[in-house]
């Protein structure tokens, strides 16, 4: 049973909600989003309480499973059209970096040629910023920060995951693309055998 699903979702001022034919549309200062509602789940906009209520038709297992999911999707839509979502990535390694070319993010991550990743419609990528950070056991390493933002949480997360998959962080020196704040489990390198 979803406990969160029973809570009303507050609708801030300036946000318009419309529900018709199993589709929820939410418009706000940053844009508009739509979501298909699965059968067995109902979404109602209570204008008096300025809230959205999500309910299920029965306690069947399928309806219970979808109740919390639809609640989260609708709540993320409200947050997306008002505040938006962002995901930050760090590109770590000597000679590694990123730059914007039109609607593409161009990654230089140790391959023969740069990798071009198209930026989906509705997402924005801030101009990559380069700095350096001290890493234990290695010293000062150049870091390029890339920030992805948009109103659709799923799109933001998917694009960030696509960029990270180009060059996942390796466990020995930590080089590669990682989420900001991500802990990478490090391995010790092979030690030279002692000579007798």
N, C-alpha and C. Protein backbone atom coordinates (compact mmCIF):
# COMPACT_ATOMS: atom_id res chain seq x y z
N UNK A 1 0.84 -1.19 0.00
CA UNK A 1 0.00 0.00 0.00
C UNK A 1 0.88 1.24 0.00
N UNK A 2 0.57 2.19 -0.89
CA UNK A 2 1.36 3.42 -0.97
C UNK A 2 0.85 4.44 0.04
N UNK A 3 1.71 4.79 0.96
CA UNK A 3 1.33 5.82 1.93
C UNK A 3 1.45 7.20 1.32
N UNK A 4 2.50 7.39 0.50
CA UNK A 4 2.66 8.68 -0.15
C UNK A 4 1.52 8.96 -1.10
N UNK A 5 1.05 7.90 -1.79
CA UNK A 5 0.00 8.08 -2.78
C UNK A 5 -1.29 8.65 -2.22
N UNK A 6 -1.50 8.51 -0.91
CA UNK A 6 -2.72 9.03 -0.30
C UNK A 6 -2.62 10.51 0.05
N UNK A 7 -1.43 11.06 -0.03
CA UNK A 7 -1.26 12.48 0.32
C UNK A 7 -1.61 13.36 -0.88
N UNK A 8 -2.25 14.51 -0.64
CA UNK A 8 -2.50 15.43 -1.76
C UNK A 8 -1.21 16.12 -2.20
N UNK A 9 -1.11 16.41 -3.49
CA UNK A 9 0.05 17.11 -4.04
C UNK A 9 -0.30 18.59 -4.13
N UNK A 10 0.37 19.46 -3.37
CA UNK A 10 0.04 20.90 -3.44
C UNK A 10 0.36 21.49 -4.80
N UNK A 11 -0.51 22.36 -5.27
CA UNK A 11 -0.31 23.03 -6.56
C UNK A 11 0.03 24.49 -6.29
N UNK A 12 1.25 24.93 -6.61
CA UNK A 12 1.63 26.33 -6.36
C UNK A 12 0.85 27.28 -7.27
N UNK A 13 0.86 28.55 -6.90
CA UNK A 13 0.21 29.57 -7.73
C UNK A 13 0.90 29.68 -9.08
N UNK A 14 0.12 29.94 -10.10
CA UNK A 14 0.69 30.06 -11.45
C UNK A 14 0.80 28.74 -12.18
N UNK A 15 0.35 27.66 -11.56
CA UNK A 15 0.40 26.34 -12.20
C UNK A 15 -1.02 25.93 -12.56
N UNK A 16 -1.22 25.53 -13.82
CA UNK A 16 -2.53 25.11 -14.31
C UNK A 16 -2.54 23.60 -14.48
N UNK A 17 -3.60 22.97 -14.00
CA UNK A 17 -3.74 21.51 -14.09
C UNK A 17 -5.01 21.17 -14.84
N UNK A 18 -4.91 20.28 -15.81
CA UNK A 18 -6.11 19.80 -16.50
C UNK A 18 -6.03 18.29 -16.64
N UNK A 19 -7.16 17.63 -16.36
CA UNK A 19 -7.24 16.16 -16.45
C UNK A 19 -8.39 15.83 -17.39
N UNK A 20 -8.08 15.11 -18.48
CA UNK A 20 -9.14 14.70 -19.40
C UNK A 20 -8.71 13.46 -20.17
N UNK A 21 -9.65 12.52 -20.31
CA UNK A 21 -9.42 11.29 -21.09
C UNK A 21 -8.17 10.53 -20.65
N UNK A 22 -7.96 10.47 -19.33
CA UNK A 22 -6.82 9.71 -18.83
C UNK A 22 -5.47 10.36 -19.05
N UNK A 23 -5.45 11.66 -19.32
CA UNK A 23 -4.20 12.39 -19.53
C UNK A 23 -4.17 13.60 -18.59
N UNK A 24 -3.06 13.75 -17.89
CA UNK A 24 -2.86 14.91 -17.01
C UNK A 24 -1.91 15.87 -17.71
N UNK A 25 -2.31 17.13 -17.78
CA UNK A 25 -1.44 18.16 -18.34
C UNK A 25 -1.23 19.23 -17.28
N UNK A 26 0.04 19.55 -17.05
CA UNK A 26 0.39 20.56 -16.05
C UNK A 26 1.23 21.64 -16.72
N UNK A 27 0.78 22.90 -16.60
CA UNK A 27 1.49 24.04 -17.18
C UNK A 27 1.99 24.93 -16.06
N UNK A 28 3.22 25.42 -16.23
CA UNK A 28 3.79 26.30 -15.22
C UNK A 28 4.73 27.31 -15.86
N UNK A 29 5.46 28.07 -15.04
CA UNK A 29 6.36 29.10 -15.56
C UNK A 29 7.45 28.56 -16.49
N UNK A 30 7.89 27.33 -16.28
CA UNK A 30 9.00 26.78 -17.07
C UNK A 30 8.55 25.98 -18.29
N UNK A 31 7.25 25.72 -18.42
CA UNK A 31 6.77 24.95 -19.56
C UNK A 31 5.59 24.07 -19.18
N UNK A 32 5.30 23.09 -20.03
CA UNK A 32 4.17 22.20 -19.75
C UNK A 32 4.58 20.75 -19.97
N UNK A 33 3.95 19.85 -19.21
CA UNK A 33 4.21 18.42 -19.29
C UNK A 33 2.89 17.67 -19.31
N UNK A 34 2.87 16.53 -20.01
CA UNK A 34 1.69 15.68 -20.02
C UNK A 34 2.08 14.27 -19.62
N UNK A 35 1.12 13.56 -19.02
CA UNK A 35 1.36 12.19 -18.57
C UNK A 35 0.10 11.37 -18.75
N UNK A 36 0.25 10.20 -19.40
CA UNK A 36 -0.87 9.27 -19.54
C UNK A 36 -1.08 8.55 -18.21
N UNK A 37 -2.32 8.48 -17.77
CA UNK A 37 -2.64 7.81 -16.50
C UNK A 37 -3.13 6.40 -16.80
N UNK A 38 -2.53 5.38 -16.19
CA UNK A 38 -2.95 4.00 -16.46
C UNK A 38 -4.35 3.71 -15.90
N UNK A 39 -4.98 2.68 -16.46
CA UNK A 39 -6.32 2.29 -16.00
C UNK A 39 -6.27 1.84 -14.54
N UNK A 40 -7.32 2.17 -13.83
CA UNK A 40 -7.39 1.78 -12.42
C UNK A 40 -6.91 2.86 -11.48
N UNK A 41 -6.31 3.92 -12.03
CA UNK A 41 -5.82 5.04 -11.22
C UNK A 41 -6.56 6.30 -11.65
N UNK A 42 -7.02 7.07 -10.70
CA UNK A 42 -7.70 8.33 -11.01
C UNK A 42 -6.92 9.50 -10.44
N UNK A 43 -6.91 10.59 -11.18
CA UNK A 43 -6.24 11.81 -10.75
C UNK A 43 -7.26 12.94 -10.79
N UNK A 44 -7.40 13.64 -9.68
CA UNK A 44 -8.38 14.73 -9.59
C UNK A 44 -7.68 16.00 -9.13
N UNK A 45 -8.11 17.12 -9.73
CA UNK A 45 -7.58 18.42 -9.31
C UNK A 45 -8.63 19.12 -8.46
N UNK A 46 -8.31 19.29 -7.18
CA UNK A 46 -9.21 19.97 -6.25
C UNK A 46 -8.82 21.45 -6.22
N UNK A 47 -9.62 22.26 -6.93
CA UNK A 47 -9.28 23.69 -7.02
C UNK A 47 -9.45 24.42 -5.69
N UNK A 48 -10.38 23.95 -4.86
CA UNK A 48 -10.62 24.60 -3.56
C UNK A 48 -9.40 24.45 -2.65
N UNK A 49 -8.81 23.25 -2.62
CA UNK A 49 -7.63 23.01 -1.77
C UNK A 49 -6.32 23.28 -2.50
N UNK A 50 -6.41 23.62 -3.79
CA UNK A 50 -5.21 23.81 -4.62
C UNK A 50 -4.29 22.60 -4.50
N UNK A 51 -4.87 21.43 -4.79
CA UNK A 51 -4.10 20.19 -4.66
C UNK A 51 -4.56 19.17 -5.69
N UNK A 52 -3.68 18.22 -5.97
CA UNK A 52 -4.00 17.10 -6.86
C UNK A 52 -4.08 15.85 -6.01
N UNK A 53 -5.14 15.06 -6.22
CA UNK A 53 -5.31 13.83 -5.45
C UNK A 53 -5.26 12.64 -6.39
N UNK A 54 -4.46 11.64 -6.00
CA UNK A 54 -4.31 10.41 -6.78
C UNK A 54 -4.96 9.28 -5.99
N UNK A 55 -5.82 8.52 -6.65
CA UNK A 55 -6.51 7.41 -5.98
C UNK A 55 -6.53 6.19 -6.88
N UNK A 56 -6.71 5.02 -6.27
CA UNK A 56 -6.81 3.78 -7.04
C UNK A 56 -8.22 3.22 -6.89
N UNK A 57 -8.65 2.48 -7.91
CA UNK A 57 -10.02 1.96 -7.91
C UNK A 57 -10.20 0.78 -6.98
N UNK A 58 -9.13 0.01 -6.77
CA UNK A 58 -9.26 -1.17 -5.91
C UNK A 58 -7.93 -1.46 -5.24
N UNK A 59 -7.91 -2.46 -4.38
CA UNK A 59 -6.67 -2.88 -3.72
C UNK A 59 -6.00 -4.03 -4.45
N UNK A 60 -6.33 -4.20 -5.72
CA UNK A 60 -5.66 -5.23 -6.52
C UNK A 60 -4.16 -4.91 -6.59
N UNK A 61 -3.38 -5.96 -6.72
CA UNK A 61 -1.92 -5.79 -6.68
C UNK A 61 -1.43 -4.80 -7.74
N UNK A 62 -1.97 -4.90 -8.96
CA UNK A 62 -1.55 -4.00 -10.05
C UNK A 62 -1.88 -2.54 -9.71
N UNK A 63 -3.06 -2.32 -9.12
CA UNK A 63 -3.45 -0.95 -8.78
C UNK A 63 -2.59 -0.40 -7.63
N UNK A 64 -2.28 -1.24 -6.68
CA UNK A 64 -1.42 -0.80 -5.57
C UNK A 64 -0.03 -0.43 -6.08
N UNK A 65 0.46 -1.21 -7.04
CA UNK A 65 1.79 -0.95 -7.59
C UNK A 65 1.83 0.37 -8.36
N UNK A 66 0.75 0.67 -9.07
CA UNK A 66 0.73 1.89 -9.89
C UNK A 66 0.40 3.15 -9.09
N UNK A 67 -0.21 2.99 -7.92
CA UNK A 67 -0.66 4.14 -7.13
C UNK A 67 0.51 5.07 -6.78
N UNK A 68 1.54 4.50 -6.16
CA UNK A 68 2.69 5.31 -5.78
C UNK A 68 3.46 5.84 -6.98
N UNK A 69 3.51 5.04 -8.06
CA UNK A 69 4.22 5.47 -9.26
C UNK A 69 3.58 6.71 -9.86
N UNK A 70 2.26 6.68 -10.03
CA UNK A 70 1.56 7.82 -10.62
C UNK A 70 1.69 9.04 -9.72
N UNK A 71 1.61 8.83 -8.40
CA UNK A 71 1.80 9.95 -7.47
C UNK A 71 3.16 10.62 -7.70
N UNK A 72 4.23 9.81 -7.79
CA UNK A 72 5.57 10.36 -7.98
C UNK A 72 5.70 11.07 -9.32
N UNK A 73 5.13 10.49 -10.38
CA UNK A 73 5.21 11.12 -11.70
C UNK A 73 4.52 12.47 -11.72
N UNK A 74 3.31 12.54 -11.12
CA UNK A 74 2.57 13.81 -11.12
C UNK A 74 3.27 14.84 -10.25
N UNK A 75 3.79 14.41 -9.11
CA UNK A 75 4.51 15.34 -8.23
C UNK A 75 5.75 15.89 -8.93
N UNK A 76 6.48 15.02 -9.65
CA UNK A 76 7.66 15.47 -10.39
C UNK A 76 7.29 16.44 -11.50
N UNK A 77 6.11 16.27 -12.09
CA UNK A 77 5.65 17.21 -13.11
C UNK A 77 5.44 18.60 -12.51
N UNK A 78 4.81 18.64 -11.32
CA UNK A 78 4.56 19.93 -10.66
C UNK A 78 5.89 20.61 -10.32
N UNK A 79 6.83 19.84 -9.77
CA UNK A 79 8.15 20.41 -9.43
C UNK A 79 8.89 20.85 -10.70
N UNK A 80 8.76 20.05 -11.76
CA UNK A 80 9.47 20.36 -13.01
C UNK A 80 9.03 21.66 -13.65
N UNK A 81 7.73 21.92 -13.69
CA UNK A 81 7.24 23.13 -14.36
C UNK A 81 7.42 24.38 -13.49
N UNK A 82 7.72 24.19 -12.20
CA UNK A 82 7.95 25.35 -11.33
C UNK A 82 9.44 25.59 -11.08
N UNK A 83 10.16 24.56 -10.64
CA UNK A 83 11.58 24.73 -10.30
C UNK A 83 12.52 24.09 -11.33
N UNK A 84 12.09 23.02 -11.97
CA UNK A 84 12.96 22.30 -12.89
C UNK A 84 13.88 21.33 -12.16
N UNK A 85 14.59 20.52 -12.93
CA UNK A 85 15.52 19.54 -12.38
C UNK A 85 16.89 19.73 -13.02
N UNK A 86 17.93 19.35 -12.28
CA UNK A 86 19.27 19.42 -12.85
C UNK A 86 20.11 18.26 -12.32
N UNK A 87 21.08 17.88 -13.11
CA UNK A 87 21.98 16.79 -12.75
C UNK A 87 23.39 17.24 -13.15
N UNK A 88 24.34 17.09 -12.23
CA UNK A 88 25.71 17.52 -12.50
C UNK A 88 26.63 16.32 -12.67
N UNK A 89 27.52 16.43 -13.65
CA UNK A 89 28.51 15.40 -13.94
C UNK A 89 29.90 15.98 -13.84
N UNK A 90 30.86 15.13 -13.52
CA UNK A 90 32.27 15.55 -13.47
C UNK A 90 33.08 14.65 -14.39
N UNK A 91 33.88 15.28 -15.25
CA UNK A 91 34.76 14.54 -16.15
C UNK A 91 36.17 14.69 -15.59
N UNK A 92 36.75 13.57 -15.14
CA UNK A 92 38.03 13.60 -14.44
C UNK A 92 39.09 12.88 -15.26
N UNK A 93 40.23 13.55 -15.47
CA UNK A 93 41.34 12.91 -16.17
C UNK A 93 42.15 13.93 -16.95
N UNK A 94 43.43 13.66 -17.07
CA UNK A 94 44.32 14.55 -17.83
C UNK A 94 43.96 14.44 -19.30
N UNK A 95 43.70 15.57 -19.94
CA UNK A 95 43.32 15.59 -21.34
C UNK A 95 41.85 15.35 -21.58
N UNK A 96 41.10 15.08 -20.51
CA UNK A 96 39.66 14.85 -20.64
C UNK A 96 38.94 16.19 -20.56
N UNK A 97 37.82 16.29 -21.24
CA UNK A 97 37.05 17.53 -21.19
C UNK A 97 35.78 17.43 -22.02
N UNK A 98 35.06 18.55 -22.09
CA UNK A 98 33.81 18.60 -22.85
C UNK A 98 33.60 20.02 -23.35
N UNK A 99 32.87 20.13 -24.45
CA UNK A 99 32.50 21.44 -24.97
C UNK A 99 31.19 21.32 -25.72
N UNK A 100 30.51 22.45 -25.87
CA UNK A 100 29.24 22.48 -26.59
C UNK A 100 29.47 22.89 -28.03
N UNK A 101 28.85 22.16 -28.96
CA UNK A 101 28.88 22.52 -30.37
C UNK A 101 27.45 22.46 -30.88
N UNK A 102 26.80 23.60 -30.93
CA UNK A 102 25.41 23.63 -31.36
C UNK A 102 24.54 22.85 -30.40
N UNK A 103 23.85 21.80 -30.91
CA UNK A 103 22.98 20.98 -30.06
C UNK A 103 23.65 19.66 -29.73
N UNK A 104 24.96 19.67 -29.63
CA UNK A 104 25.71 18.46 -29.28
C UNK A 104 26.69 18.76 -28.16
N UNK A 105 26.87 17.77 -27.30
CA UNK A 105 27.90 17.82 -26.27
C UNK A 105 29.05 16.96 -26.76
N UNK A 106 30.22 17.58 -26.94
CA UNK A 106 31.38 16.87 -27.49
C UNK A 106 32.31 16.51 -26.34
N UNK A 107 32.56 15.21 -26.16
CA UNK A 107 33.36 14.70 -25.05
C UNK A 107 34.71 14.21 -25.55
N UNK A 108 35.76 14.67 -24.89
CA UNK A 108 37.12 14.17 -25.14
C UNK A 108 37.50 13.35 -23.92
N UNK A 109 37.42 12.02 -24.05
CA UNK A 109 37.62 11.16 -22.88
C UNK A 109 38.58 10.00 -23.19
N UNK A 110 39.65 10.30 -23.92
CA UNK A 110 40.69 9.29 -24.13
C UNK A 110 40.53 8.41 -25.35
N UNK A 111 39.47 8.60 -26.13
CA UNK A 111 39.31 7.83 -27.35
C UNK A 111 40.05 8.52 -28.49
N UNK A 112 40.21 7.83 -29.61
CA UNK A 112 40.91 8.41 -30.77
C UNK A 112 40.19 9.66 -31.24
N UNK A 113 38.86 9.59 -31.32
CA UNK A 113 38.07 10.74 -31.77
C UNK A 113 37.13 11.20 -30.65
N UNK A 114 36.78 12.49 -30.65
CA UNK A 114 35.81 12.97 -29.65
C UNK A 114 34.46 12.30 -29.86
N UNK A 115 33.72 12.12 -28.77
CA UNK A 115 32.39 11.50 -28.82
C UNK A 115 31.35 12.60 -28.78
N UNK A 116 30.45 12.59 -29.81
CA UNK A 116 29.40 13.61 -29.88
C UNK A 116 28.09 13.02 -29.38
N UNK A 117 27.50 13.68 -28.37
CA UNK A 117 26.24 13.22 -27.79
C UNK A 117 25.18 14.28 -28.08
N UNK A 118 24.16 13.96 -28.91
CA UNK A 118 23.11 14.94 -29.20
C UNK A 118 22.31 15.29 -27.95
N UNK A 119 22.02 16.57 -27.76
CA UNK A 119 21.24 17.02 -26.60
C UNK A 119 19.76 16.96 -26.97
N UNK A 120 18.95 16.18 -26.24
CA UNK A 120 17.52 16.05 -26.58
C UNK A 120 16.77 17.38 -26.46
N UNK A 121 15.66 17.46 -27.20
CA UNK A 121 14.80 18.64 -27.14
C UNK A 121 14.26 18.80 -25.73
N UNK A 122 14.26 20.04 -25.24
CA UNK A 122 13.72 20.30 -23.91
C UNK A 122 14.75 20.30 -22.80
N UNK A 123 16.00 19.92 -23.13
CA UNK A 123 17.07 19.93 -22.14
C UNK A 123 18.09 21.02 -22.49
N UNK A 124 18.72 21.56 -21.45
CA UNK A 124 19.80 22.52 -21.67
C UNK A 124 21.04 22.04 -20.93
N UNK A 125 22.19 22.26 -21.55
CA UNK A 125 23.46 21.90 -20.94
C UNK A 125 24.27 23.17 -20.78
N UNK A 126 24.67 23.47 -19.55
CA UNK A 126 25.46 24.67 -19.30
C UNK A 126 26.86 24.51 -19.88
N UNK A 127 27.47 25.62 -20.23
CA UNK A 127 28.83 25.59 -20.77
C UNK A 127 29.75 24.89 -19.77
N UNK A 128 30.44 23.82 -20.20
CA UNK A 128 31.30 23.09 -19.26
C UNK A 128 32.37 23.98 -18.63
N UNK A 129 32.58 23.82 -17.32
CA UNK A 129 33.56 24.60 -16.57
C UNK A 129 34.72 23.70 -16.15
N UNK A 130 35.94 24.15 -16.38
CA UNK A 130 37.12 23.34 -16.03
C UNK A 130 37.79 23.89 -14.78
N UNK A 131 38.11 22.99 -13.86
CA UNK A 131 38.85 23.32 -12.64
C UNK A 131 39.81 22.18 -12.37
N UNK A 132 40.46 22.22 -11.23
CA UNK A 132 41.30 21.09 -10.83
C UNK A 132 40.99 20.76 -9.38
N UNK A 133 41.12 19.48 -9.05
CA UNK A 133 40.80 19.03 -7.70
C UNK A 133 41.90 18.07 -7.24
N UNK A 134 42.18 18.11 -5.93
CA UNK A 134 43.21 17.22 -5.38
C UNK A 134 42.57 15.88 -5.06
N UNK A 135 43.15 14.81 -5.60
CA UNK A 135 42.65 13.46 -5.33
C UNK A 135 43.70 12.68 -4.56
N UNK A 136 43.28 11.93 -3.53
CA UNK A 136 44.24 11.20 -2.71
C UNK A 136 45.01 10.17 -3.53
N UNK A 137 46.32 10.17 -3.36
CA UNK A 137 47.16 9.19 -4.04
C UNK A 137 47.55 9.57 -5.46
N UNK A 138 46.90 10.62 -6.00
CA UNK A 138 47.18 11.01 -7.39
C UNK A 138 47.72 12.43 -7.46
N UNK A 139 47.16 13.32 -6.65
CA UNK A 139 47.56 14.72 -6.69
C UNK A 139 46.47 15.55 -7.36
N UNK A 140 46.86 16.66 -7.97
CA UNK A 140 45.91 17.56 -8.61
C UNK A 140 45.49 17.02 -9.98
N UNK A 141 44.20 16.91 -10.19
CA UNK A 141 43.67 16.35 -11.43
C UNK A 141 42.66 17.32 -12.03
N UNK A 142 42.73 17.56 -13.37
CA UNK A 142 41.74 18.45 -13.98
C UNK A 142 40.34 17.84 -13.98
N UNK A 143 39.35 18.68 -13.69
CA UNK A 143 37.95 18.25 -13.63
C UNK A 143 37.11 19.21 -14.47
N UNK A 144 36.26 18.65 -15.33
CA UNK A 144 35.33 19.46 -16.11
C UNK A 144 33.92 19.18 -15.61
N UNK A 145 33.22 20.23 -15.21
CA UNK A 145 31.85 20.09 -14.68
C UNK A 145 30.84 20.34 -15.79
N UNK A 146 29.88 19.42 -15.91
CA UNK A 146 28.80 19.53 -16.90
C UNK A 146 27.48 19.45 -16.16
N UNK A 147 26.60 20.44 -16.37
CA UNK A 147 25.30 20.46 -15.70
C UNK A 147 24.18 20.37 -16.73
N UNK A 148 23.32 19.38 -16.54
CA UNK A 148 22.17 19.15 -17.42
C UNK A 148 20.92 19.60 -16.67
N UNK A 149 20.05 20.37 -17.32
CA UNK A 149 18.83 20.82 -16.65
C UNK A 149 17.64 20.76 -17.61
N UNK A 150 16.45 20.65 -17.02
CA UNK A 150 15.22 20.58 -17.80
C UNK A 150 14.03 20.41 -16.88
N UNK A 151 12.82 20.37 -17.46
CA UNK A 151 11.62 20.26 -16.64
C UNK A 151 11.17 18.82 -16.46
N UNK A 152 11.67 17.91 -17.31
CA UNK A 152 11.28 16.50 -17.25
C UNK A 152 12.37 15.72 -16.52
N UNK A 153 12.07 15.24 -15.31
CA UNK A 153 13.07 14.55 -14.49
C UNK A 153 13.61 13.31 -15.19
N UNK A 154 12.73 12.57 -15.86
CA UNK A 154 13.16 11.35 -16.54
C UNK A 154 14.15 11.66 -17.66
N UNK A 155 13.88 12.70 -18.44
CA UNK A 155 14.76 13.08 -19.55
C UNK A 155 16.12 13.54 -19.03
N UNK A 156 16.10 14.33 -17.96
CA UNK A 156 17.36 14.83 -17.37
C UNK A 156 18.22 13.66 -16.90
N UNK A 157 17.59 12.74 -16.15
CA UNK A 157 18.33 11.59 -15.64
C UNK A 157 18.82 10.66 -16.73
N UNK A 158 17.99 10.46 -17.78
CA UNK A 158 18.38 9.57 -18.87
C UNK A 158 19.56 10.14 -19.66
N UNK A 159 19.53 11.46 -19.94
CA UNK A 159 20.63 12.06 -20.69
C UNK A 159 21.92 12.03 -19.87
N UNK A 160 21.81 12.31 -18.57
CA UNK A 160 23.00 12.26 -17.70
C UNK A 160 23.58 10.85 -17.68
N UNK A 161 22.72 9.84 -17.65
CA UNK A 161 23.18 8.45 -17.66
C UNK A 161 23.84 8.09 -18.99
N UNK A 162 23.29 8.63 -20.09
CA UNK A 162 23.87 8.39 -21.42
C UNK A 162 25.28 8.98 -21.51
N UNK A 163 25.44 10.21 -20.98
CA UNK A 163 26.76 10.85 -21.00
C UNK A 163 27.74 10.06 -20.13
N UNK A 164 27.30 9.63 -18.95
CA UNK A 164 28.18 8.88 -18.04
C UNK A 164 28.61 7.55 -18.67
N UNK A 165 27.71 6.93 -19.44
CA UNK A 165 28.01 5.62 -20.05
C UNK A 165 29.09 5.70 -21.12
N UNK A 166 29.38 6.91 -21.62
CA UNK A 166 30.43 7.05 -22.64
C UNK A 166 31.79 6.63 -22.08
N UNK A 167 32.06 6.99 -20.83
CA UNK A 167 33.33 6.61 -20.19
C UNK A 167 33.10 6.53 -18.68
N UNK A 168 32.68 5.36 -18.23
CA UNK A 168 32.44 5.19 -16.79
C UNK A 168 33.75 5.34 -16.02
N UNK A 169 33.68 5.79 -14.77
CA UNK A 169 34.92 5.94 -13.99
C UNK A 169 35.60 4.60 -13.76
N UNK A 170 36.91 4.56 -14.03
CA UNK A 170 37.63 3.30 -13.81
C UNK A 170 38.14 3.26 -12.37
N UNK A 171 38.31 2.05 -11.81
CA UNK A 171 38.54 1.92 -10.37
C UNK A 171 39.97 2.16 -9.89
N UNK A 172 40.93 2.32 -10.80
CA UNK A 172 42.33 2.44 -10.36
C UNK A 172 42.73 3.91 -10.15
N UNK A 173 42.54 4.74 -11.18
CA UNK A 173 42.88 6.16 -11.02
C UNK A 173 41.65 7.04 -10.89
N UNK A 174 40.48 6.46 -11.11
CA UNK A 174 39.25 7.23 -10.97
C UNK A 174 38.92 8.08 -12.19
N UNK A 175 39.63 7.88 -13.31
CA UNK A 175 39.38 8.67 -14.51
C UNK A 175 38.05 8.27 -15.14
N UNK A 176 37.39 9.23 -15.76
CA UNK A 176 36.13 8.95 -16.44
C UNK A 176 35.08 9.98 -16.10
N UNK A 177 33.82 9.63 -16.38
CA UNK A 177 32.70 10.53 -16.13
C UNK A 177 31.88 9.97 -14.97
N UNK A 178 31.63 10.81 -13.98
CA UNK A 178 30.85 10.38 -12.81
C UNK A 178 29.86 11.48 -12.44
N UNK A 179 28.83 11.08 -11.68
CA UNK A 179 27.91 12.07 -11.14
C UNK A 179 28.62 12.87 -10.05
N UNK A 180 28.24 14.11 -9.89
CA UNK A 180 28.84 14.93 -8.84
C UNK A 180 28.50 14.31 -7.49
N UNK A 181 29.53 14.10 -6.67
CA UNK A 181 29.33 13.50 -5.35
C UNK A 181 29.33 11.99 -5.35
N UNK A 182 29.45 11.37 -6.52
CA UNK A 182 29.44 9.90 -6.60
C UNK A 182 30.74 9.33 -6.03
N UNK A 183 30.60 8.32 -5.20
CA UNK A 183 31.77 7.65 -4.64
C UNK A 183 32.15 6.50 -5.56
N UNK A 184 33.40 6.51 -6.00
CA UNK A 184 33.89 5.44 -6.87
C UNK A 184 34.79 4.53 -6.05
N UNK A 185 34.43 3.26 -5.98
CA UNK A 185 35.24 2.31 -5.21
C UNK A 185 36.57 2.12 -5.91
N UNK A 186 37.63 2.38 -5.18
CA UNK A 186 38.97 2.33 -5.76
C UNK A 186 39.64 1.00 -5.47
N UNK A 187 40.44 0.55 -6.44
CA UNK A 187 41.22 -0.68 -6.27
C UNK A 187 42.69 -0.32 -6.21
N UNK A 188 43.45 -1.12 -5.48
CA UNK A 188 44.90 -0.92 -5.43
C UNK A 188 45.50 -1.52 -6.70
N UNK A 189 46.48 -0.84 -7.25
CA UNK A 189 47.17 -1.36 -8.42
C UNK A 189 48.04 -2.55 -8.07
N UNK A 190 48.51 -3.26 -9.10
CA UNK A 190 49.37 -4.40 -8.85
C UNK A 190 50.71 -3.94 -8.30
N UNK A 191 51.20 -4.62 -7.27
CA UNK A 191 52.50 -4.28 -6.69
C UNK A 191 53.58 -5.10 -7.40
N UNK A 192 54.77 -4.51 -7.53
CA UNK A 192 55.90 -5.22 -8.14
C UNK A 192 56.39 -6.31 -7.18
N UNK A 193 56.66 -7.48 -7.73
CA UNK A 193 57.17 -8.56 -6.89
C UNK A 193 58.59 -8.24 -6.44
N UNK A 194 58.87 -8.51 -5.18
CA UNK A 194 60.22 -8.22 -4.65
C UNK A 194 61.27 -9.17 -5.23
N UNK A 195 62.44 -8.64 -5.45
CA UNK A 195 63.53 -9.49 -5.98
C UNK A 195 64.33 -10.06 -4.82
N UNK A 196 64.74 -11.31 -4.97
CA UNK A 196 65.48 -11.95 -3.90
C UNK A 196 66.96 -11.93 -4.21
